[in-house]
Structure formats: C-alpha cells, structure tokens
Amino acid sequence: MLCEISSTMKKLHVILHAV
C-alpha cells in the first residue's frame, strides 16, 4: 500500500511540475 501511495504521489508531483 505504501509503495502504491508513493508511486501515485510521484506521478502527481511530475504532473504538477509539467503543468
């Protein structure tokens, strides 16, 4: 579960930076 959350957070971080 923690791994999944970390992956999601990383994706969100990348998306936020891309915008």
PDB file of N, CA and C in Angstrom:
ATOM      1  N   MET A   1       0.847  -1.198   0.000  1.00  0.00           N
ATOM      2  CA  MET A   1       0.000   0.000   0.000  1.00  0.00           C
ATOM      3  C   MET A   1       0.886   1.253   0.000  1.00  0.00           C
ATOM      4  N   LEU A   2       1.868   1.266   0.861  1.00  0.00           N
ATOM      5  CA  LEU A   2       2.760   2.426   0.923  1.00  0.00           C
ATOM      6  C   LEU A   2       3.443   2.654  -0.415  1.00  0.00           C
ATOM      7  N   CYS A   3       3.850   1.555  -1.033  1.00  0.00           N
ATOM      8  CA  CYS A   3       4.540   1.664  -2.332  1.00  0.00           C
ATOM      9  C   CYS A   3       3.593   2.284  -3.357  1.00  0.00           C
ATOM     10  N   GLU A   4       2.341   1.855  -3.317  1.00  0.00           N
ATOM     11  CA  GLU A   4       1.364   2.368  -4.281  1.00  0.00           C
ATOM     12  C   GLU A   4       1.157   3.864  -4.062  1.00  0.00           C
ATOM     13  N   ILE A   5       1.042   4.267  -2.817  1.00  0.00           N
ATOM     14  CA  ILE A   5       0.835   5.683  -2.495  1.00  0.00           C
ATOM     15  C   ILE A   5       2.037   6.499  -2.967  1.00  0.00           C
ATOM     16  N   SER A   6       3.227   5.979  -2.720  1.00  0.00           N
ATOM     17  CA  SER A   6       4.451   6.685  -3.122  1.00  0.00           C
ATOM     18  C   SER A   6       4.469   6.871  -4.636  1.00  0.00           C
ATOM     19  N   SER A   7       4.059   5.829  -5.345  1.00  0.00           N
ATOM     20  CA  SER A   7       4.060   5.899  -6.813  1.00  0.00           C
ATOM     21  C   SER A   7       3.048   6.948  -7.282  1.00  0.00           C
ATOM     22  N   THR A   8       1.893   6.956  -6.661  1.00  0.00           N
ATOM     23  CA  THR A   8       0.859   7.925  -7.032  1.00  0.00           C
ATOM     24  C   THR A   8       1.334   9.339  -6.744  1.00  0.00           C
ATOM     25  N   MET A   9       1.973   9.533  -5.590  1.00  0.00           N
ATOM     26  CA  MET A   9       2.462  10.858  -5.220  1.00  0.00           C
ATOM     27  C   MET A   9       3.505  11.328  -6.217  1.00  0.00           C
ATOM     28  N   LYS A  10       4.370  10.416  -6.622  1.00  0.00           N
ATOM     29  CA  LYS A  10       5.419  10.774  -7.594  1.00  0.00           C
ATOM     30  C   LYS A  10       4.782  11.190  -8.906  1.00  0.00           C
ATOM     31  N   LYS A  11       3.754  10.461  -9.306  1.00  0.00           N
ATOM     32  CA  LYS A  11       3.061  10.787 -10.566  1.00  0.00           C
ATOM     33  C   LYS A  11       2.439  12.166 -10.457  1.00  0.00           C
ATOM     34  N   LEU A  12       1.780  12.428  -9.331  1.00  0.00           N
ATOM     35  CA  LEU A  12       1.141  13.731  -9.127  1.00  0.00           C
ATOM     36  C   LEU A  12       2.178  14.832  -9.152  1.00  0.00           C
ATOM     37  N   HIS A  13       3.316  14.580  -8.526  1.00  0.00           N
ATOM     38  CA  HIS A  13       4.390  15.574  -8.473  1.00  0.00           C
ATOM     39  C   HIS A  13       4.873  15.903  -9.883  1.00  0.00           C
ATOM     40  N   VAL A  14       5.064  14.862 -10.679  1.00  0.00           N
ATOM     41  CA  VAL A  14       5.539  15.056 -12.057  1.00  0.00           C
ATOM     42  C   VAL A  14       4.507  15.830 -12.862  1.00  0.00           C
ATOM     43  N   ILE A  15       3.237  15.469 -12.702  1.00  0.00           N
ATOM     44  CA  ILE A  15       2.169  16.145 -13.441  1.00  0.00           C
ATOM     45  C   ILE A  15       2.112  17.619 -13.033  1.00  0.00           C
ATOM     46  N   LEU A  16       2.197  17.862 -11.726  1.00  0.00           N
ATOM     47  CA  LEU A  16       2.136  19.250 -11.238  1.00  0.00           C
ATOM     48  C   LEU A  16       3.282  20.070 -11.802  1.00  0.00           C
ATOM     49  N   HIS A  17       4.449  19.471 -11.879  1.00  0.00           N
ATOM     50  CA  HIS A  17       5.613  20.191 -12.396  1.00  0.00           C
ATOM     51  C   HIS A  17       5.521  20.380 -13.908  1.00  0.00           C
ATOM     52  N   ALA A  18       4.854  19.438 -14.574  1.00  0.00           N
ATOM     53  CA  ALA A  18       4.739  19.514 -16.028  1.00  0.00           C
ATOM     54  C   ALA A  18       3.774  20.641 -16.421  1.00  0.00           C
ATOM     55  N   VAL A  19       2.778  20.859 -15.578  1.00  0.00           N
ATOM     56  CA  VAL A  19       1.772  21.886 -15.901  1.00  0.00           C
ATOM     57  C   VAL A  19       2.402  23.270 -15.826  1.00  0.00           C
TER      58      VAL A  19
END
